[in-house]
PDB file of N, CA and C in Angstrom:
ATOM      1  N   MET A   1     227.374  31.649 210.492  1.00  0.00           N
ATOM      2  CA  MET A   1     226.003  31.664 210.056  1.00  0.00           C
ATOM      3  C   MET A   1     225.975  31.948 208.554  1.00  0.00           C
ATOM      4  N   LYS A   2     225.189  31.160 207.826  1.00  0.00           N
ATOM      5  CA  LYS A   2     225.079  31.329 206.386  1.00  0.00           C
ATOM      6  C   LYS A   2     224.005  32.340 206.042  1.00  0.00           C
ATOM      7  N   GLU A   3     224.216  33.048 204.922  1.00  0.00           N
ATOM      8  CA  GLU A   3     223.197  33.963 204.438  1.00  0.00           C
ATOM      9  C   GLU A   3     222.083  33.163 203.783  1.00  0.00           C
ATOM     10  N   ASP A   4     220.872  33.650 203.902  1.00  0.00           N
ATOM     11  CA  ASP A   4     219.720  33.015 203.278  1.00  0.00           C
ATOM     12  C   ASP A   4     219.738  33.344 201.788  1.00  0.00           C
ATOM     13  N   PRO A   5     219.926  32.329 200.915  1.00  0.00           N
ATOM     14  CA  PRO A   5     219.989  32.621 199.483  1.00  0.00           C
ATOM     15  C   PRO A   5     218.659  33.130 198.927  1.00  0.00           C
ATOM     16  N   ALA A   6     217.568  32.885 199.648  1.00  0.00           N
ATOM     17  CA  ALA A   6     216.260  33.351 199.189  1.00  0.00           C
ATOM     18  C   ALA A   6     215.988  34.798 199.601  1.00  0.00           C
ATOM     19  N   ALA A   7     216.829  35.337 200.487  1.00  0.00           N
ATOM     20  CA  ALA A   7     216.619  36.717 200.945  1.00  0.00           C
ATOM     21  C   ALA A   7     216.859  37.666 199.771  1.00  0.00           C
ATOM     22  N   PRO A   8     215.929  38.586 199.531  1.00  0.00           N
ATOM     23  CA  PRO A   8     216.096  39.508 198.405  1.00  0.00           C
ATOM     24  C   PRO A   8     217.228  40.497 198.657  1.00  0.00           C
ATOM     25  N   THR A   9     217.904  40.877 197.591  1.00  0.00           N
ATOM     26  CA  THR A   9     218.933  41.896 197.675  1.00  0.00           C
ATOM     27  C   THR A   9     218.253  43.245 197.874  1.00  0.00           C
ATOM     28  N   PRO A  10     218.688  44.030 198.860  1.00  0.00           N
ATOM     29  CA  PRO A  10     218.066  45.343 199.064  1.00  0.00           C
ATOM     30  C   PRO A  10     218.226  46.223 197.821  1.00  0.00           C
ATOM     31  N   VAL A  11     217.217  47.013 197.542  1.00  0.00           N
ATOM     32  CA  VAL A  11     217.268  47.965 196.433  1.00  0.00           C
ATOM     33  C   VAL A  11     217.698  49.302 197.025  1.00  0.00           C
ATOM     34  N   ILE A  12     218.902  49.728 196.664  1.00  0.00           N
ATOM     35  CA  ILE A  12     219.461  50.992 197.152  1.00  0.00           C
ATOM     36  C   ILE A  12     219.808  51.828 195.932  1.00  0.00           C
ATOM     37  N   LEU A  13     219.077  52.912 195.762  1.00  0.00           N
ATOM     38  CA  LEU A  13     219.266  53.782 194.603  1.00  0.00           C
ATOM     39  C   LEU A  13     219.935  55.077 195.029  1.00  0.00           C
ATOM     40  N   GLY A  14     220.767  55.614 194.166  1.00  0.00           N
ATOM     41  CA  GLY A  14     221.430  56.879 194.447  1.00  0.00           C
ATOM     42  C   GLY A  14     221.309  57.823 193.267  1.00  0.00           C
ATOM     43  N   ILE A  15     221.127  59.096 193.571  1.00  0.00           N
ATOM     44  CA  ILE A  15     221.134  60.134 192.537  1.00  0.00           C
ATOM     45  C   ILE A  15     222.158  61.172 192.981  1.00  0.00           C
ATOM     46  N   ASP A  16     223.305  61.154 192.318  1.00  0.00           N
ATOM     47  CA  ASP A  16     224.443  61.986 192.704  1.00  0.00           C
ATOM     48  C   ASP A  16     225.363  62.118 191.499  1.00  0.00           C
ATOM     49  N   ASP A  17     225.809  63.326 191.210  1.00  0.00           N
ATOM     50  CA  ASP A  17     226.649  63.525 190.029  1.00  0.00           C
ATOM     51  C   ASP A  17     228.093  63.067 190.202  1.00  0.00           C
ATOM     52  N   LEU A  18     228.596  62.980 191.437  1.00  0.00           N
ATOM     53  CA  LEU A  18     230.016  62.692 191.635  1.00  0.00           C
ATOM     54  C   LEU A  18     230.339  61.496 192.521  1.00  0.00           C
ATOM     55  N   ARG A  19     229.643  61.353 193.637  1.00  0.00           N
ATOM     56  CA  ARG A  19     230.008  60.346 194.627  1.00  0.00           C
ATOM     57  C   ARG A  19     229.801  58.930 194.093  1.00  0.00           C
ATOM     58  N   PRO A  20     230.665  57.994 194.511  1.00  0.00           N
ATOM     59  CA  PRO A  20     230.518  56.613 194.046  1.00  0.00           C
ATOM     60  C   PRO A  20     229.358  55.852 194.707  1.00  0.00           C
ATOM     61  N   LEU A  21     228.959  56.206 195.932  1.00  0.00           N
ATOM     62  CA  LEU A  21     227.866  55.547 196.658  1.00  0.00           C
ATOM     63  C   LEU A  21     227.992  54.014 196.597  1.00  0.00           C
ATOM     64  N   PRO A  22     228.995  53.468 197.278  1.00  0.00           N
ATOM     65  CA  PRO A  22     229.303  52.039 197.152  1.00  0.00           C
ATOM     66  C   PRO A  22     228.171  51.090 197.557  1.00  0.00           C
ATOM     67  N   ARG A  23     227.253  51.534 198.413  1.00  0.00           N
ATOM     68  CA  ARG A  23     226.146  50.654 198.813  1.00  0.00           C
ATOM     69  C   ARG A  23     225.024  50.611 197.780  1.00  0.00           C
ATOM     70  N   ALA A  24     225.021  51.578 196.861  1.00  0.00           N
ATOM     71  CA  ALA A  24     223.931  51.683 195.886  1.00  0.00           C
ATOM     72  C   ALA A  24     223.972  50.532 194.886  1.00  0.00           C
ATOM     73  N   THR A  25     222.785  50.009 194.569  1.00  0.00           N
ATOM     74  CA  THR A  25     222.678  48.977 193.537  1.00  0.00           C
ATOM     75  C   THR A  25     222.574  49.615 192.158  1.00  0.00           C
ATOM     76  N   ARG A  26     222.091  50.861 192.092  1.00  0.00           N
ATOM     77  CA  ARG A  26     222.041  51.635 190.849  1.00  0.00           C
ATOM     78  C   ARG A  26     222.259  53.098 191.180  1.00  0.00           C
ATOM     79  N   ILE A  27     222.931  53.830 190.278  1.00  0.00           N
ATOM     80  CA  ILE A  27     223.193  55.258 190.474  1.00  0.00           C
ATOM     81  C   ILE A  27     222.787  56.019 189.223  1.00  0.00           C
ATOM     82  N   ALA A  28     222.112  57.135 189.423  1.00  0.00           N
ATOM     83  CA  ALA A  28     221.809  58.084 188.350  1.00  0.00           C
ATOM     84  C   ALA A  28     222.675  59.315 188.585  1.00  0.00           C
ATOM     85  N   ARG A  29     223.147  59.928 187.506  1.00  0.00           N
ATOM     86  CA  ARG A  29     224.057  61.064 187.624  1.00  0.00           C
ATOM     87  C   ARG A  29     223.407  62.411 187.310  1.00  0.00           C
ATOM     88  N   THR A  30     222.168  62.408 186.794  1.00  0.00           N
ATOM     89  CA  THR A  30     221.449  63.645 186.482  1.00  0.00           C
ATOM     90  C   THR A  30     220.020  63.519 187.003  1.00  0.00           C
ATOM     91  N   SER A  31     219.300  64.637 187.045  1.00  0.00           N
ATOM     92  CA  SER A  31     217.899  64.572 187.478  1.00  0.00           C
ATOM     93  C   SER A  31     217.070  63.767 186.480  1.00  0.00           C
ATOM     94  N   GLY A  32     217.361  63.904 185.193  1.00  0.00           N
ATOM     95  CA  GLY A  32     216.639  63.130 184.175  1.00  0.00           C
ATOM     96  C   GLY A  32     216.838  61.629 184.363  1.00  0.00           C
ATOM     97  N   GLU A  33     218.091  61.222 184.604  1.00  0.00           N
ATOM     98  CA  GLU A  33     218.368  59.812 184.863  1.00  0.00           C
ATOM     99  C   GLU A  33     217.703  59.367 186.165  1.00  0.00           C
ATOM    100  N   GLY A  34     217.661  60.268 187.147  1.00  0.00           N
ATOM    101  CA  GLY A  34     217.031  59.958 188.422  1.00  0.00           C
ATOM    102  C   GLY A  34     215.544  59.710 188.278  1.00  0.00           C
ATOM    103  N   ILE A  35     214.878  60.530 187.484  1.00  0.00           N
ATOM    104  CA  ILE A  35     213.446  60.339 187.226  1.00  0.00           C
ATOM    105  C   ILE A  35     213.222  59.000 186.545  1.00  0.00           C
ATOM    106  N   GLN A  36     214.039  58.704 185.551  1.00  0.00           N
ATOM    107  CA  GLN A  36     213.918  57.421 184.842  1.00  0.00           C
ATOM    108  C   GLN A  36     214.142  56.251 185.805  1.00  0.00           C
ATOM    109  N   LEU A  37     215.134  56.366 186.673  1.00  0.00           N
ATOM    110  CA  LEU A  37     215.440  55.310 187.639  1.00  0.00           C
ATOM    111  C   LEU A  37     214.252  55.068 188.572  1.00  0.00           C
ATOM    112  N   LEU A  38     213.668  56.146 189.091  1.00  0.00           N
ATOM    113  CA  LEU A  38     212.497  55.992 189.961  1.00  0.00           C
ATOM    114  C   LEU A  38     211.322  55.387 189.204  1.00  0.00           C
ATOM    115  N   GLN A  39     211.100  55.805 187.972  1.00  0.00           N
ATOM    116  CA  GLN A  39     209.990  55.262 187.190  1.00  0.00           C
ATOM    117  C   GLN A  39     210.185  53.774 186.916  1.00  0.00           C
ATOM    118  N   GLU A  40     211.433  53.344 186.737  1.00  0.00           N
ATOM    119  CA  GLU A  40     211.717  51.921 186.538  1.00  0.00           C
ATOM    120  C   GLU A  40     211.380  51.102 187.790  1.00  0.00           C
ATOM    121  N   HIS A  41     211.449  51.731 188.951  1.00  0.00           N
ATOM    122  CA  HIS A  41     211.169  51.055 190.226  1.00  0.00           C
ATOM    123  C   HIS A  41     209.800  51.461 190.786  1.00  0.00           C
ATOM    124  N   ARG A  42     208.932  51.981 189.939  1.00  0.00           N
ATOM    125  CA  ARG A  42     207.654  52.543 190.377  1.00  0.00           C
ATOM    126  C   ARG A  42     206.818  51.566 191.189  1.00  0.00           C
ATOM    127  N   ASP A  43     206.786  50.317 190.780  1.00  0.00           N
ATOM    128  CA  ASP A  43     205.901  49.349 191.425  1.00  0.00           C
ATOM    129  C   ASP A  43     206.624  48.408 192.380  1.00  0.00           C
ATOM    130  N   SER A  44     207.839  48.759 192.761  1.00  0.00           N
ATOM    131  CA  SER A  44     208.579  47.918 193.705  1.00  0.00           C
ATOM    132  C   SER A  44     209.004  48.746 194.917  1.00  0.00           C
ATOM    133  N   PHE A  45     209.439  48.054 195.950  1.00  0.00           N
ATOM    134  CA  PHE A  45     209.885  48.719 197.171  1.00  0.00           C
ATOM    135  C   PHE A  45     211.350  49.087 197.036  1.00  0.00           C
ATOM    136  N   ILE A  46     211.680  50.320 197.370  1.00  0.00           N
ATOM    137  CA  ILE A  46     213.057  50.816 197.372  1.00  0.00           C
ATOM    138  C   ILE A  46     213.476  50.907 198.833  1.00  0.00           C
ATOM    139  N   ASP A  47     214.484  50.151 199.211  1.00  0.00           N
ATOM    140  CA  ASP A  47     214.921  50.151 200.608  1.00  0.00           C
ATOM    141  C   ASP A  47     215.514  51.491 201.019  1.00  0.00           C
ATOM    142  N   GLU A  48     216.405  52.017 200.175  1.00  0.00           N
ATOM    143  CA  GLU A  48     217.042  53.303 200.462  1.00  0.00           C
ATOM    144  C   GLU A  48     217.149  54.104 199.174  1.00  0.00           C
ATOM    145  N   LEU A  49     216.979  55.412 199.304  1.00  0.00           N
ATOM    146  CA  LEU A  49     217.185  56.333 198.195  1.00  0.00           C
ATOM    147  C   LEU A  49     218.118  57.430 198.699  1.00  0.00           C
ATOM    148  N   TRP A  50     219.263  57.591 198.033  1.00  0.00           N
ATOM    149  CA  TRP A  50     220.255  58.595 198.412  1.00  0.00           C
ATOM    150  C   TRP A  50     220.189  59.742 197.414  1.00  0.00           C
ATOM    151  N   LEU A  51     220.003  60.959 197.915  1.00  0.00           N
ATOM    152  CA  LEU A  51     219.835  62.133 197.061  1.00  0.00           C
ATOM    153  C   LEU A  51     220.875  63.202 197.354  1.00  0.00           C
ATOM    154  N   ASP A  52     221.469  63.710 196.291  1.00  0.00           N
ATOM    155  CA  ASP A  52     222.342  64.876 196.362  1.00  0.00           C
ATOM    156  C   ASP A  52     221.557  66.040 195.762  1.00  0.00           C
ATOM    157  N   HIS A  53     221.662  67.230 196.319  1.00  0.00           N
ATOM    158  CA  HIS A  53     220.902  68.365 195.786  1.00  0.00           C
ATOM    159  C   HIS A  53     221.496  68.881 194.481  1.00  0.00           C
ATOM    160  N   ASP A  54     222.775  69.211 194.479  1.00  0.00           N
ATOM    161  CA  ASP A  54     223.423  69.804 193.303  1.00  0.00           C
ATOM    162  C   ASP A  54     223.962  68.691 192.408  1.00  0.00           C
ATOM    163  N   LEU A  55     223.515  68.669 191.148  1.00  0.00           N
ATOM    164  CA  LEU A  55     223.896  67.587 190.236  1.00  0.00           C
ATOM    165  C   LEU A  55     224.753  68.077 189.072  1.00  0.00           C
ATOM    166  N   GLY A  56     225.451  69.167 189.267  1.00  0.00           N
ATOM    167  CA  GLY A  56     226.359  69.681 188.248  1.00  0.00           C
ATOM    168  C   GLY A  56     225.693  70.702 187.344  1.00  0.00           C
ATOM    169  N   GLY A  57     226.396  71.783 187.051  1.00  0.00           N
ATOM    170  CA  GLY A  57     225.840  72.840 186.213  1.00  0.00           C
ATOM    171  C   GLY A  57     224.577  73.414 186.829  1.00  0.00           C
ATOM    172  N   ASP A  58     223.548  73.545 186.017  1.00  0.00           N
ATOM    173  CA  ASP A  58     222.268  74.072 186.496  1.00  0.00           C
ATOM    174  C   ASP A  58     221.330  72.965 186.983  1.00  0.00           C
ATOM    175  N   ASP A  59     221.767  71.725 186.942  1.00  0.00           N
ATOM    176  CA  ASP A  59     220.910  70.593 187.314  1.00  0.00           C
ATOM    177  C   ASP A  59     220.867  70.437 188.831  1.00  0.00           C
ATOM    178  N   SER A  60     219.697  70.071 189.327  1.00  0.00           N
ATOM    179  CA  SER A  60     219.545  69.792 190.754  1.00  0.00           C
ATOM    180  C   SER A  60     218.571  68.634 190.926  1.00  0.00           C
ATOM    181  N   ILE A  61     218.404  68.199 192.140  1.00  0.00           N
ATOM    182  CA  ILE A  61     217.509  67.088 192.462  1.00  0.00           C
ATOM    183  C   ILE A  61     216.039  67.500 192.431  1.00  0.00           C
ATOM    184  N   MET A  62     215.744  68.781 192.320  1.00  0.00           N
ATOM    185  CA  MET A  62     214.368  69.254 192.454  1.00  0.00           C
ATOM    186  C   MET A  62     213.366  68.649 191.465  1.00  0.00           C
ATOM    187  N   PRO A  63     213.716  68.350 190.209  1.00  0.00           N
ATOM    188  CA  PRO A  63     212.740  67.651 189.361  1.00  0.00           C
ATOM    189  C   PRO A  63     212.359  66.270 189.908  1.00  0.00           C
ATOM    190  N   VAL A  64     213.303  65.599 190.543  1.00  0.00           N
ATOM    191  CA  VAL A  64     213.024  64.302 191.165  1.00  0.00           C
ATOM    192  C   VAL A  64     212.101  64.498 192.366  1.00  0.00           C
ATOM    193  N   VAL A  65     212.395  65.510 193.168  1.00  0.00           N
ATOM    194  CA  VAL A  65     211.560  65.820 194.337  1.00  0.00           C
ATOM    195  C   VAL A  65     210.135  66.141 193.882  1.00  0.00           C
ATOM    196  N   THR A  66     209.996  66.920 192.815  1.00  0.00           N
ATOM    197  CA  THR A  66     208.674  67.256 192.289  1.00  0.00           C
ATOM    198  C   THR A  66     207.921  65.998 191.861  1.00  0.00           C
ATOM    199  N   LEU A  67     208.598  65.074 191.185  1.00  0.00           N
ATOM    200  CA  LEU A  67     207.987  63.802 190.796  1.00  0.00           C
ATOM    201  C   LEU A  67     207.464  63.055 192.019  1.00  0.00           C
ATOM    202  N   MET A  68     208.266  63.008 193.067  1.00  0.00           N
ATOM    203  CA  MET A  68     207.882  62.298 194.284  1.00  0.00           C
ATOM    204  C   MET A  68     206.724  62.993 194.990  1.00  0.00           C
ATOM    205  N   GLU A  69     206.744  64.326 195.011  1.00  0.00           N
ATOM    206  CA  GLU A  69     205.641  65.086 195.618  1.00  0.00           C
ATOM    207  C   GLU A  69     204.339  64.858 194.853  1.00  0.00           C
ATOM    208  N   GLU A  70     204.413  64.896 193.524  1.00  0.00           N
ATOM    209  CA  GLU A  70     203.214  64.688 192.706  1.00  0.00           C
ATOM    210  C   GLU A  70     202.648  63.288 192.899  1.00  0.00           C
ATOM    211  N   ALA A  71     203.535  62.290 193.015  1.00  0.00           N
ATOM    212  CA  ALA A  71     203.081  60.916 193.247  1.00  0.00           C
ATOM    213  C   ALA A  71     202.325  60.828 194.570  1.00  0.00           C
ATOM    214  N   ALA A  72     202.855  61.454 195.599  1.00  0.00           N
ATOM    215  CA  ALA A  72     202.189  61.447 196.906  1.00  0.00           C
ATOM    216  C   ALA A  72     200.868  62.213 196.849  1.00  0.00           C
ATOM    217  N   PHE A  73     200.861  63.349 196.179  1.00  0.00           N
ATOM    218  CA  PHE A  73     199.646  64.145 196.034  1.00  0.00           C
ATOM    219  C   PHE A  73     198.544  63.336 195.349  1.00  0.00           C
ATOM    220  N   ASN A  74     198.934  62.513 194.377  1.00  0.00           N
ATOM    221  CA  ASN A  74     197.978  61.692 193.631  1.00  0.00           C
ATOM    222  C   ASN A  74     197.625  60.393 194.345  1.00  0.00           C
ATOM    223  N   GLY A  75     198.094  60.234 195.578  1.00  0.00           N
ATOM    224  CA  GLY A  75     197.743  59.059 196.372  1.00  0.00           C
ATOM    225  C   GLY A  75     198.548  57.817 196.069  1.00  0.00           C
ATOM    226  N   ARG A  76     199.637  57.964 195.317  1.00  0.00           N
ATOM    227  CA  ARG A  76     200.498  56.828 194.992  1.00  0.00           C
ATOM    228  C   ARG A  76     201.964  57.178 195.246  1.00  0.00           C
ATOM    229  N   PRO A  77     202.303  57.463 196.511  1.00  0.00           N
ATOM    230  CA  PRO A  77     203.704  57.804 196.778  1.00  0.00           C
ATOM    231  C   PRO A  77     204.617  56.623 196.440  1.00  0.00           C
ATOM    232  N   PHE A  78     205.845  56.933 196.127  1.00  0.00           N
ATOM    233  CA  PHE A  78     206.831  55.877 195.929  1.00  0.00           C
ATOM    234  C   PHE A  78     207.014  55.153 197.248  1.00  0.00           C
ATOM    235  N   ARG A  79     207.177  53.848 197.187  1.00  0.00           N
ATOM    236  CA  ARG A  79     207.370  53.041 198.402  1.00  0.00           C
ATOM    237  C   ARG A  79     208.868  52.959 198.680  1.00  0.00           C
ATOM    238  N   ILE A  80     209.298  53.784 199.642  1.00  0.00           N
ATOM    239  CA  ILE A  80     210.722  53.914 199.962  1.00  0.00           C
ATOM    240  C   ILE A  80     210.894  53.786 201.469  1.00  0.00           C
ATOM    241  N   GLY A  81     211.821  52.922 201.878  1.00  0.00           N
ATOM    242  CA  GLY A  81     212.095  52.777 203.310  1.00  0.00           C
ATOM    243  C   GLY A  81     212.616  54.071 203.904  1.00  0.00           C
ATOM    244  N   THR A  82     213.799  54.487 203.488  1.00  0.00           N
ATOM    245  CA  THR A  82     214.414  55.713 203.994  1.00  0.00           C
ATOM    246  C   THR A  82     215.071  56.467 202.854  1.00  0.00           C
ATOM    247  N   ILE A  83     214.880  57.771 202.860  1.00  0.00           N
ATOM    248  CA  ILE A  83     215.547  58.657 201.912  1.00  0.00           C
ATOM    249  C   ILE A  83     216.642  59.376 202.674  1.00  0.00           C
ATOM    250  N   PHE A  84     217.864  59.313 202.163  1.00  0.00           N
ATOM    251  CA  PHE A  84     218.999  59.997 202.763  1.00  0.00           C
ATOM    252  C   PHE A  84     219.391  61.157 201.858  1.00  0.00           C
ATOM    253  N   VAL A  85     219.415  62.360 202.405  1.00  0.00           N
ATOM    254  CA  VAL A  85     219.834  63.545 201.663  1.00  0.00           C
ATOM    255  C   VAL A  85     221.255  63.860 202.122  1.00  0.00           C
ATOM    256  N   HIS A  86     222.207  63.732 201.195  1.00  0.00           N
ATOM    257  CA  HIS A  86     223.620  63.832 201.564  1.00  0.00           C
ATOM    258  C   HIS A  86     224.338  64.981 200.861  1.00  0.00           C
ATOM    259  N   SER A  87     223.636  66.026 200.559  1.00  0.00           N
ATOM    260  CA  SER A  87     224.199  67.149 199.830  1.00  0.00           C
ATOM    261  C   SER A  87     225.132  67.998 200.690  1.00  0.00           C
ATOM    262  N   ALA A  88     226.155  68.556 200.046  1.00  0.00           N
ATOM    263  CA  ALA A  88     227.041  69.516 200.715  1.00  0.00           C
ATOM    264  C   ALA A  88     226.427  70.912 200.710  1.00  0.00           C
ATOM    265  N   ASN A  89     225.277  71.062 200.069  1.00  0.00           N
ATOM    266  CA  ASN A  89     224.562  72.342 200.005  1.00  0.00           C
ATOM    267  C   ASN A  89     223.510  72.336 201.124  1.00  0.00           C
ATOM    268  N   PRO A  90     223.783  73.005 202.257  1.00  0.00           N
ATOM    269  CA  PRO A  90     222.869  72.911 203.399  1.00  0.00           C
ATOM    270  C   PRO A  90     221.480  73.471 203.132  1.00  0.00           C
ATOM    271  N   ILE A  91     221.376  74.549 202.389  1.00  0.00           N
ATOM    272  CA  ILE A  91     220.060  75.134 202.105  1.00  0.00           C
ATOM    273  C   ILE A  91     219.283  74.226 201.152  1.00  0.00           C
ATOM    274  N   GLY A  92     219.947  73.740 200.114  1.00  0.00           N
ATOM    275  CA  GLY A  92     219.296  72.821 199.179  1.00  0.00           C
ATOM    276  C   GLY A  92     218.868  71.539 199.864  1.00  0.00           C
ATOM    277  N   ALA A  93     219.742  70.997 200.713  1.00  0.00           N
ATOM    278  CA  ALA A  93     219.426  69.761 201.425  1.00  0.00           C
ATOM    279  C   ALA A  93     218.214  69.950 202.326  1.00  0.00           C
ATOM    280  N   GLU A  94     218.159  71.069 203.034  1.00  0.00           N
ATOM    281  CA  GLU A  94     217.032  71.330 203.927  1.00  0.00           C
ATOM    282  C   GLU A  94     215.732  71.475 203.144  1.00  0.00           C
ATOM    283  N   THR A  95     215.801  72.058 201.967  1.00  0.00           N
ATOM    284  CA  THR A  95     214.621  72.179 201.111  1.00  0.00           C
ATOM    285  C   THR A  95     214.099  70.802 200.723  1.00  0.00           C
ATOM    286  N   VAL A  96     214.994  69.906 200.358  1.00  0.00           N
ATOM    287  CA  VAL A  96     214.606  68.544 199.978  1.00  0.00           C
ATOM    288  C   VAL A  96     213.991  67.817 201.170  1.00  0.00           C
ATOM    289  N   VAL A  97     214.652  67.901 202.320  1.00  0.00           N
ATOM    290  CA  VAL A  97     214.143  67.227 203.528  1.00  0.00           C
ATOM    291  C   VAL A  97     212.741  67.747 203.864  1.00  0.00           C
ATOM    292  N   ARG A  98     212.584  69.037 203.879  1.00  0.00           N
ATOM    293  CA  ARG A  98     211.291  69.639 204.228  1.00  0.00           C
ATOM    294  C   ARG A  98     210.205  69.241 203.216  1.00  0.00           C
ATOM    295  N   SER A  99     210.530  69.306 201.930  1.00  0.00           N
ATOM    296  CA  SER A  99     209.553  68.993 200.888  1.00  0.00           C
ATOM    297  C   SER A  99     209.068  67.555 200.978  1.00  0.00           C
ATOM    298  N   LEU A 100     209.988  66.621 201.140  1.00  0.00           N
ATOM    299  CA  LEU A 100     209.608  65.209 201.149  1.00  0.00           C
ATOM    300  C   LEU A 100     208.981  64.789 202.473  1.00  0.00           C
ATOM    301  N   THR A 101     209.434  65.367 203.577  1.00  0.00           N
ATOM    302  CA  THR A 101     208.848  65.063 204.881  1.00  0.00           C
ATOM    303  C   THR A 101     207.388  65.484 204.903  1.00  0.00           C
ATOM    304  N   ARG A 102     207.076  66.593 204.270  1.00  0.00           N
ATOM    305  CA  ARG A 102     205.700  67.090 204.202  1.00  0.00           C
ATOM    306  C   ARG A 102     204.761  66.042 203.594  1.00  0.00           C
ATOM    307  N   TRP A 103     205.283  65.186 202.716  1.00  0.00           N
ATOM    308  CA  TRP A 103     204.476  64.154 202.053  1.00  0.00           C
ATOM    309  C   TRP A 103     204.651  62.785 202.698  1.00  0.00           C
ATOM    310  N   ASN A 104     205.124  62.770 203.929  1.00  0.00           N
ATOM    311  CA  ASN A 104     205.250  61.555 204.754  1.00  0.00           C
ATOM    312  C   ASN A 104     206.292  60.552 204.276  1.00  0.00           C
ATOM    313  N   TYR A 105     207.246  61.001 203.476  1.00  0.00           N
ATOM    314  CA  TYR A 105     208.395  60.152 203.180  1.00  0.00           C
ATOM    315  C   TYR A 105     209.296  60.177 204.408  1.00  0.00           C
ATOM    316  N   GLN A 106     209.969  59.084 204.694  1.00  0.00           N
ATOM    317  CA  GLN A 106     210.915  59.014 205.807  1.00  0.00           C
ATOM    318  C   GLN A 106     212.263  59.530 205.316  1.00  0.00           C
ATOM    319  N   VAL A 107     212.641  60.710 205.792  1.00  0.00           N
ATOM    320  CA  VAL A 107     213.829  61.388 205.269  1.00  0.00           C
ATOM    321  C   VAL A 107     214.814  61.653 206.403  1.00  0.00           C
ATOM    322  N   ARG A 108     216.080  61.427 206.094  1.00  0.00           N
ATOM    323  CA  ARG A 108     217.169  61.737 207.031  1.00  0.00           C
ATOM    324  C   ARG A 108     218.212  62.562 206.332  1.00  0.00           C
ATOM    325  N   ARG A 109     218.821  63.445 207.069  1.00  0.00           N
ATOM    326  CA  ARG A 109     219.951  64.231 206.557  1.00  0.00           C
ATOM    327  C   ARG A 109     221.218  63.450 206.864  1.00  0.00           C
ATOM    328  N   ALA A 110     222.020  63.213 205.848  1.00  0.00           N
ATOM    329  CA  ALA A 110     223.298  62.528 206.008  1.00  0.00           C
ATOM    330  C   ALA A 110     224.410  63.495 205.612  1.00  0.00           C
ATOM    331  N   MET A 111     225.577  63.323 206.190  1.00  0.00           N
ATOM    332  CA  MET A 111     226.693  64.204 205.856  1.00  0.00           C
ATOM    333  C   MET A 111     227.298  63.812 204.521  1.00  0.00           C
ATOM    334  N   ALA A 112     227.618  64.834 203.726  1.00  0.00           N
ATOM    335  CA  ALA A 112     228.197  64.603 202.403  1.00  0.00           C
ATOM    336  C   ALA A 112     229.655  64.228 202.506  1.00  0.00           C
TER     337      ALA A 112
END
């Protein structure tokens, strides 16, 4: 069976300081880069978003989570199929899952 050449390539974004995330079409390594990446995709559908909690040093995913929460609060949530939280930090990961689920994002916990 041939692939449909007109079928769009899925948009899979990752925000992680270390992991290669081979399925991702774009990767951000810091929260600042992650915010920029989401803003670049503001008006398009994101099939998957992969989030790591700890992004090296004092950086974490929480500024990205805050951006997403504020967007939902303002009635314009990001259009994302599934968000996968794959952090090795169980408390941080649970915070992200709880925060985003509260705003009706579809969130799953994935193993790091």
